[in-house]
PDB file of N, CA and C in Angstrom:
ATOM      1  N   MET A   1      59.424 120.403 127.710  1.00  0.00           N
ATOM      2  CA  MET A   1      60.908 120.288 126.983  1.00  0.00           C
ATOM      3  C   MET A   1      62.378 120.943 127.880  1.00  0.00           C
ATOM      4  N   LEU A   2      62.801 120.097 127.750  1.00  0.00           N
ATOM      5  CA  LEU A   2      64.185 120.780 128.812  1.00  0.00           C
ATOM      6  C   LEU A   2      65.523 120.207 127.844  1.00  0.00           C
ATOM      7  N   GLN A   3      66.316 121.314 127.402  1.00  0.00           N
ATOM      8  CA  GLN A   3      67.128 120.832 126.545  1.00  0.00           C
ATOM      9  C   GLN A   3      68.752 121.724 127.228  1.00  0.00           C
ATOM     10  N   ARG A   4      69.655 120.955 127.288  1.00  0.00           N
ATOM     11  CA  ARG A   4      70.888 121.555 127.585  1.00  0.00           C
ATOM     12  C   ARG A   4      72.191 121.078 127.118  1.00  0.00           C
ATOM     13  N   ALA A   5      72.859 122.212 126.729  1.00  0.00           N
ATOM     14  CA  ALA A   5      74.797 121.708 126.336  1.00  0.00           C
ATOM     15  C   ALA A   5      75.506 121.664 127.300  1.00  0.00           C
ATOM     16  N   VAL A   6      76.486 121.352 127.624  1.00  0.00           N
ATOM     17  CA  VAL A   6      77.358 121.918 128.253  1.00  0.00           C
ATOM     18  C   VAL A   6      78.672 121.119 127.472  1.00  0.00           C
ATOM     19  N   PHE A   7      79.764 121.804 128.126  1.00  0.00           N
ATOM     20  CA  PHE A   7      81.188 121.556 128.263  1.00  0.00           C
ATOM     21  C   PHE A   7      81.582 119.988 129.308  1.00  0.00           C
ATOM     22  N   THR A   8      82.452 119.091 129.107  1.00  0.00           N
ATOM     23  CA  THR A   8      82.636 118.014 129.694  1.00  0.00           C
ATOM     24  C   THR A   8      84.153 118.587 130.651  1.00  0.00           C
ATOM     25  N   HIS A   9      84.339 117.773 131.842  1.00  0.00           N
ATOM     26  CA  HIS A   9      85.788 118.646 132.051  1.00  0.00           C
ATOM     27  C   HIS A   9      87.050 118.028 131.477  1.00  0.00           C
ATOM     28  N   THR A  10      86.774 117.645 130.011  1.00  0.00           N
ATOM     29  CA  THR A  10      87.682 117.129 128.947  1.00  0.00           C
ATOM     30  C   THR A  10      87.337 118.432 127.778  1.00  0.00           C
ATOM     31  N   GLY A  11      86.491 118.835 128.226  1.00  0.00           N
ATOM     32  CA  GLY A  11      86.791 119.903 126.845  1.00  0.00           C
ATOM     33  C   GLY A  11      85.402 119.700 125.576  1.00  0.00           C
ATOM     34  N   GLU A  12      84.532 118.260 125.481  1.00  0.00           N
ATOM     35  CA  GLU A  12      84.098 118.110 124.962  1.00  0.00           C
ATOM     36  C   GLU A  12      82.713 118.353 124.925  1.00  0.00           C
ATOM     37  N   HIS A  13      82.044 118.741 124.059  1.00  0.00           N
ATOM     38  CA  HIS A  13      80.200 118.918 124.568  1.00  0.00           C
ATOM     39  C   HIS A  13      79.197 117.973 124.294  1.00  0.00           C
ATOM     40  N   GLU A  14      78.533 118.239 124.782  1.00  0.00           N
ATOM     41  CA  GLU A  14      77.455 116.949 125.362  1.00  0.00           C
ATOM     42  C   GLU A  14      76.237 117.745 125.542  1.00  0.00           C
ATOM     43  N   MET A  15      75.651 117.154 124.934  1.00  0.00           N
ATOM     44  CA  MET A  15      74.193 117.342 125.394  1.00  0.00           C
ATOM     45  C   MET A  15      73.007 116.471 125.695  1.00  0.00           C
ATOM     46  N   ASP A  16      72.161 116.927 126.860  1.00  0.00           N
ATOM     47  CA  ASP A  16      70.901 116.663 127.321  1.00  0.00           C
ATOM     48  C   ASP A  16      69.619 117.518 126.418  1.00  0.00           C
ATOM     49  N   ALA A  17      68.466 116.096 126.856  1.00  0.00           N
ATOM     50  CA  ALA A  17      67.198 116.837 126.358  1.00  0.00           C
ATOM     51  C   ALA A  17      66.425 115.930 126.993  1.00  0.00           C
ATOM     52  N   SER A  18      65.215 116.053 127.609  1.00  0.00           N
ATOM     53  CA  SER A  18      63.819 115.435 127.715  1.00  0.00           C
ATOM     54  C   SER A  18      62.309 115.903 127.185  1.00  0.00           C
ATOM     55  N   ILE A  19      61.687 115.652 127.377  1.00  0.00           N
ATOM     56  CA  ILE A  19      60.184 115.847 127.132  1.00  0.00           C
ATOM     57  C   ILE A  19      59.431 114.867 127.633  1.00  0.00           C
ATOM     58  N   MET A  20      58.160 115.561 128.200  1.00  0.00           N
ATOM     59  CA  MET A  20      57.259 114.481 128.904  1.00  0.00           C
ATOM     60  C   MET A  20      55.417 115.565 127.870  1.00  0.00           C
ATOM     61  N   GLU A  21      54.641 114.573 127.996  1.00  0.00           N
ATOM     62  CA  GLU A  21      53.245 114.726 127.806  1.00  0.00           C
ATOM     63  C   GLU A  21      52.452 114.621 128.616  1.00  0.00           C
ATOM     64  N   GLY A  22      51.706 115.820 129.159  1.00  0.00           N
ATOM     65  CA  GLY A  22      51.079 115.776 130.534  1.00  0.00           C
ATOM     66  C   GLY A  22      49.822 115.364 130.268  1.00  0.00           C
ATOM     67  N   LEU A  23      49.563 115.459 129.275  1.00  0.00           N
ATOM     68  CA  LEU A  23      47.728 114.113 129.381  1.00  0.00           C
ATOM     69  C   LEU A  23      48.077 113.124 129.766  1.00  0.00           C
ATOM     70  N   THR A  24      49.262 112.077 129.033  1.00  0.00           N
ATOM     71  CA  THR A  24      49.361 110.393 128.995  1.00  0.00           C
ATOM     72  C   THR A  24      50.665 110.089 130.029  1.00  0.00           C
ATOM     73  N   LEU A  25      51.498 111.287 130.676  1.00  0.00           N
ATOM     74  CA  LEU A  25      52.942 111.048 131.115  1.00  0.00           C
ATOM     75  C   LEU A  25      53.775 110.635 129.971  1.00  0.00           C
ATOM     76  N   ASP A  26      53.653 110.229 129.225  1.00  0.00           N
ATOM     77  CA  ASP A  26      54.599 109.442 128.475  1.00  0.00           C
ATOM     78  C   ASP A  26      55.911 110.691 128.153  1.00  0.00           C
ATOM     79  N   ALA A  27      56.814 110.175 128.550  1.00  0.00           N
ATOM     80  CA  ALA A  27      58.318 110.196 128.359  1.00  0.00           C
ATOM     81  C   ALA A  27      59.247 110.652 127.532  1.00  0.00           C
ATOM     82  N   GLY A  28      60.142 111.141 127.425  1.00  0.00           N
ATOM     83  CA  GLY A  28      61.569 110.590 126.496  1.00  0.00           C
ATOM     84  C   GLY A  28      62.434 111.401 126.515  1.00  0.00           C
ATOM     85  N   ALA A  29      63.849 110.600 127.112  1.00  0.00           N
ATOM     86  CA  ALA A  29      64.644 111.412 127.461  1.00  0.00           C
ATOM     87  C   ALA A  29      66.392 111.252 127.102  1.00  0.00           C
ATOM     88  N   VAL A  30      67.097 111.961 126.431  1.00  0.00           N
ATOM     89  CA  VAL A  30      68.257 111.518 125.936  1.00  0.00           C
ATOM     90  C   VAL A  30      69.332 112.530 126.937  1.00  0.00           C
ATOM     91  N   ALA A  31      70.288 111.158 126.860  1.00  0.00           N
ATOM     92  CA  ALA A  31      71.636 112.327 127.872  1.00  0.00           C
ATOM     93  C   ALA A  31      72.791 111.867 127.295  1.00  0.00           C
ATOM     94  N   GLY A  32      74.042 113.023 127.047  1.00  0.00           N
ATOM     95  CA  GLY A  32      75.388 112.832 127.223  1.00  0.00           C
ATOM     96  C   GLY A  32      75.817 112.401 125.391  1.00  0.00           C
ATOM     97  N   VAL A  33      75.141 112.891 124.764  1.00  0.00           N
ATOM     98  CA  VAL A  33      75.223 112.294 123.466  1.00  0.00           C
ATOM     99  C   VAL A  33      76.272 113.982 122.603  1.00  0.00           C
ATOM    100  N   LYS A  34      76.745 113.537 121.490  1.00  0.00           N
ATOM    101  CA  LYS A  34      78.104 114.805 121.013  1.00  0.00           C
ATOM    102  C   LYS A  34      78.221 114.974 119.878  1.00  0.00           C
ATOM    103  N   SER A  35      76.768 114.004 118.846  1.00  0.00           N
ATOM    104  CA  SER A  35      76.748 114.539 117.303  1.00  0.00           C
ATOM    105  C   SER A  35      75.422 113.989 117.174  1.00  0.00           C
ATOM    106  N   VAL A  36      74.427 114.363 117.891  1.00  0.00           N
ATOM    107  CA  VAL A  36      73.498 114.538 117.457  1.00  0.00           C
ATOM    108  C   VAL A  36      73.053 116.187 117.023  1.00  0.00           C
ATOM    109  N   LYS A  37      72.386 116.099 116.022  1.00  0.00           N
ATOM    110  CA  LYS A  37      72.021 117.925 115.854  1.00  0.00           C
ATOM    111  C   LYS A  37      70.743 118.631 116.716  1.00  0.00           C
ATOM    112  N   ASN A  38      69.723 117.926 117.267  1.00  0.00           N
ATOM    113  CA  ASN A  38      68.780 118.707 117.288  1.00  0.00           C
ATOM    114  C   ASN A  38      68.158 117.090 118.518  1.00  0.00           C
ATOM    115  N   PRO A  39      69.107 116.796 119.959  1.00  0.00           N
ATOM    116  CA  PRO A  39      68.630 116.387 121.008  1.00  0.00           C
ATOM    117  C   PRO A  39      67.382 116.060 121.710  1.00  0.00           C
ATOM    118  N   ILE A  40      66.260 117.151 121.441  1.00  0.00           N
ATOM    119  CA  ILE A  40      64.909 117.004 121.768  1.00  0.00           C
ATOM    120  C   ILE A  40      64.157 116.343 120.794  1.00  0.00           C
ATOM    121  N   HIS A  41      64.365 116.601 119.411  1.00  0.00           N
ATOM    122  CA  HIS A  41      63.735 115.308 118.297  1.00  0.00           C
ATOM    123  C   HIS A  41      63.723 113.872 118.796  1.00  0.00           C
ATOM    124  N   LEU A  42      65.603 113.730 119.398  1.00  0.00           N
ATOM    125  CA  LEU A  42      65.308 112.432 119.871  1.00  0.00           C
ATOM    126  C   LEU A  42      64.776 112.437 120.758  1.00  0.00           C
ATOM    127  N   ALA A  43      64.573 112.745 121.782  1.00  0.00           N
ATOM    128  CA  ALA A  43      64.130 112.457 122.899  1.00  0.00           C
ATOM    129  C   ALA A  43      62.279 112.305 122.823  1.00  0.00           C
ATOM    130  N   ARG A  44      62.239 112.954 121.331  1.00  0.00           N
ATOM    131  CA  ARG A  44      60.847 113.095 121.155  1.00  0.00           C
ATOM    132  C   ARG A  44      60.606 111.164 120.282  1.00  0.00           C
ATOM    133  N   LYS A  45      61.417 110.779 120.050  1.00  0.00           N
ATOM    134  CA  LYS A  45      61.136 109.960 119.029  1.00  0.00           C
ATOM    135  C   LYS A  45      61.167 108.854 120.226  1.00  0.00           C
ATOM    136  N   ILE A  46      62.017 108.506 121.031  1.00  0.00           N
ATOM    137  CA  ILE A  46      62.448 107.476 122.377  1.00  0.00           C
ATOM    138  C   ILE A  46      61.179 107.652 122.772  1.00  0.00           C
ATOM    139  N   MET A  47      60.526 108.214 123.444  1.00  0.00           N
ATOM    140  CA  MET A  47      59.171 108.709 123.599  1.00  0.00           C
ATOM    141  C   MET A  47      57.998 107.958 123.006  1.00  0.00           C
ATOM    142  N   GLU A  48      57.808 107.950 121.688  1.00  0.00           N
ATOM    143  CA  GLU A  48      56.810 107.809 120.818  1.00  0.00           C
ATOM    144  C   GLU A  48      57.176 106.549 120.098  1.00  0.00           C
ATOM    145  N   GLN A  49      58.417 105.762 119.820  1.00  0.00           N
ATOM    146  CA  GLN A  49      58.792 104.748 119.124  1.00  0.00           C
ATOM    147  C   GLN A  49      59.819 103.976 119.491  1.00  0.00           C
ATOM    148  N   SER A  50      59.970 103.801 121.215  1.00  0.00           N
ATOM    149  CA  SER A  50      60.997 102.639 122.212  1.00  0.00           C
ATOM    150  C   SER A  50      59.977 102.357 122.907  1.00  0.00           C
ATOM    151  N   GLY A  51      60.680 101.362 123.330  1.00  0.00           N
ATOM    152  CA  GLY A  51      59.827 100.892 124.736  1.00  0.00           C
ATOM    153  C   GLY A  51      60.861 101.458 126.157  1.00  0.00           C
ATOM    154  N   HIS A  52      61.517 102.840 125.693  1.00  0.00           N
ATOM    155  CA  HIS A  52      62.124 103.072 126.797  1.00  0.00           C
ATOM    156  C   HIS A  52      61.781 104.191 126.929  1.00  0.00           C
ATOM    157  N   VAL A  53      62.338 104.826 128.594  1.00  0.00           N
ATOM    158  CA  VAL A  53      62.331 106.629 129.194  1.00  0.00           C
ATOM    159  C   VAL A  53      63.044 107.304 128.554  1.00  0.00           C
ATOM    160  N   MET A  54      64.672 106.683 128.562  1.00  0.00           N
ATOM    161  CA  MET A  54      66.120 107.575 128.606  1.00  0.00           C
ATOM    162  C   MET A  54      66.693 106.667 128.292  1.00  0.00           C
ATOM    163  N   LEU A  55      67.632 107.038 126.678  1.00  0.00           N
ATOM    164  CA  LEU A  55      68.872 106.612 126.057  1.00  0.00           C
ATOM    165  C   LEU A  55      69.817 107.727 126.761  1.00  0.00           C
ATOM    166  N   SER A  56      71.177 106.472 126.755  1.00  0.00           N
ATOM    167  CA  SER A  56      72.339 107.743 126.674  1.00  0.00           C
ATOM    168  C   SER A  56      73.121 107.375 125.699  1.00  0.00           C
ATOM    169  N   GLY A  57      74.759 108.046 125.663  1.00  0.00           N
ATOM    170  CA  GLY A  57      75.586 107.703 124.935  1.00  0.00           C
ATOM    171  C   GLY A  57      75.524 107.045 124.263  1.00  0.00           C
ATOM    172  N   ASP A  58      76.790 106.146 123.818  1.00  0.00           N
ATOM    173  CA  ASP A  58      76.410 105.585 122.745  1.00  0.00           C
ATOM    174  C   ASP A  58      74.931 104.876 122.487  1.00  0.00           C
ATOM    175  N   GLY A  59      74.420 103.751 122.972  1.00  0.00           N
ATOM    176  CA  GLY A  59      72.495 103.465 123.030  1.00  0.00           C
ATOM    177  C   GLY A  59      72.421 104.710 122.418  1.00  0.00           C
ATOM    178  N   ALA A  60      72.073 105.867 122.532  1.00  0.00           N
ATOM    179  CA  ALA A  60      71.624 106.899 122.212  1.00  0.00           C
ATOM    180  C   ALA A  60      71.854 107.048 121.120  1.00  0.00           C
ATOM    181  N   LEU A  61      73.038 107.121 120.469  1.00  0.00           N
ATOM    182  CA  LEU A  61      73.453 107.412 118.953  1.00  0.00           C
ATOM    183  C   LEU A  61      73.620 106.460 118.058  1.00  0.00           C
ATOM    184  N   GLU A  62      72.910 104.672 118.875  1.00  0.00           N
ATOM    185  CA  GLU A  62      72.262 103.710 117.908  1.00  0.00           C
ATOM    186  C   GLU A  62      71.506 103.756 117.507  1.00  0.00           C
ATOM    187  N   PHE A  63      70.356 104.457 119.263  1.00  0.00           N
ATOM    188  CA  PHE A  63      68.870 104.598 118.190  1.00  0.00           C
ATOM    189  C   PHE A  63      68.811 105.876 117.136  1.00  0.00           C
ATOM    190  N   ALA A  64      69.620 106.527 117.435  1.00  0.00           N
ATOM    191  CA  ALA A  64      69.190 107.870 116.431  1.00  0.00           C
ATOM    192  C   ALA A  64      69.668 107.229 115.014  1.00  0.00           C
ATOM    193  N   ARG A  65      70.855 106.411 114.756  1.00  0.00           N
ATOM    194  CA  ARG A  65      71.002 106.101 113.521  1.00  0.00           C
ATOM    195  C   ARG A  65      69.809 105.414 113.046  1.00  0.00           C
ATOM    196  N   ASN A  66      69.399 104.731 113.657  1.00  0.00           N
ATOM    197  CA  ASN A  66      68.362 103.430 113.070  1.00  0.00           C
ATOM    198  C   ASN A  66      67.076 103.638 112.975  1.00  0.00           C
ATOM    199  N   ASN A  67      66.920 105.423 113.490  1.00  0.00           N
ATOM    200  CA  ASN A  67      65.421 105.654 113.169  1.00  0.00           C
ATOM    201  C   ASN A  67      65.788 107.379 112.896  1.00  0.00           C
ATOM    202  N   ARG A  68      66.820 107.525 111.771  1.00  0.00           N
ATOM    203  CA  ARG A  68      66.715 108.585 111.031  1.00  0.00           C
ATOM    204  C   ARG A  68      65.200 109.030 110.035  1.00  0.00           C
ATOM    205  N   ASP A  69      65.224 109.997 110.034  1.00  0.00           N
ATOM    206  CA  ASP A  69      63.964 110.809 109.342  1.00  0.00           C
ATOM    207  C   ASP A  69      64.376 110.706 108.081  1.00  0.00           C
TER     208      ASP A  69
END
């Protein structure tokens, strides 16, 4: 698992996260999200519940809204 948060050049906070299952090599990642509380949980949902490996920005936020626990 990898998760990081940085400030952009405009001073906004953005987060990225990625996860990989070693046995199956399934992976999920999210990039450039600003309002997701736990990006690593979102990356796991992307891995387990979508046909994608990585989502970013508005697409990631839409997926998060549509797949809340």
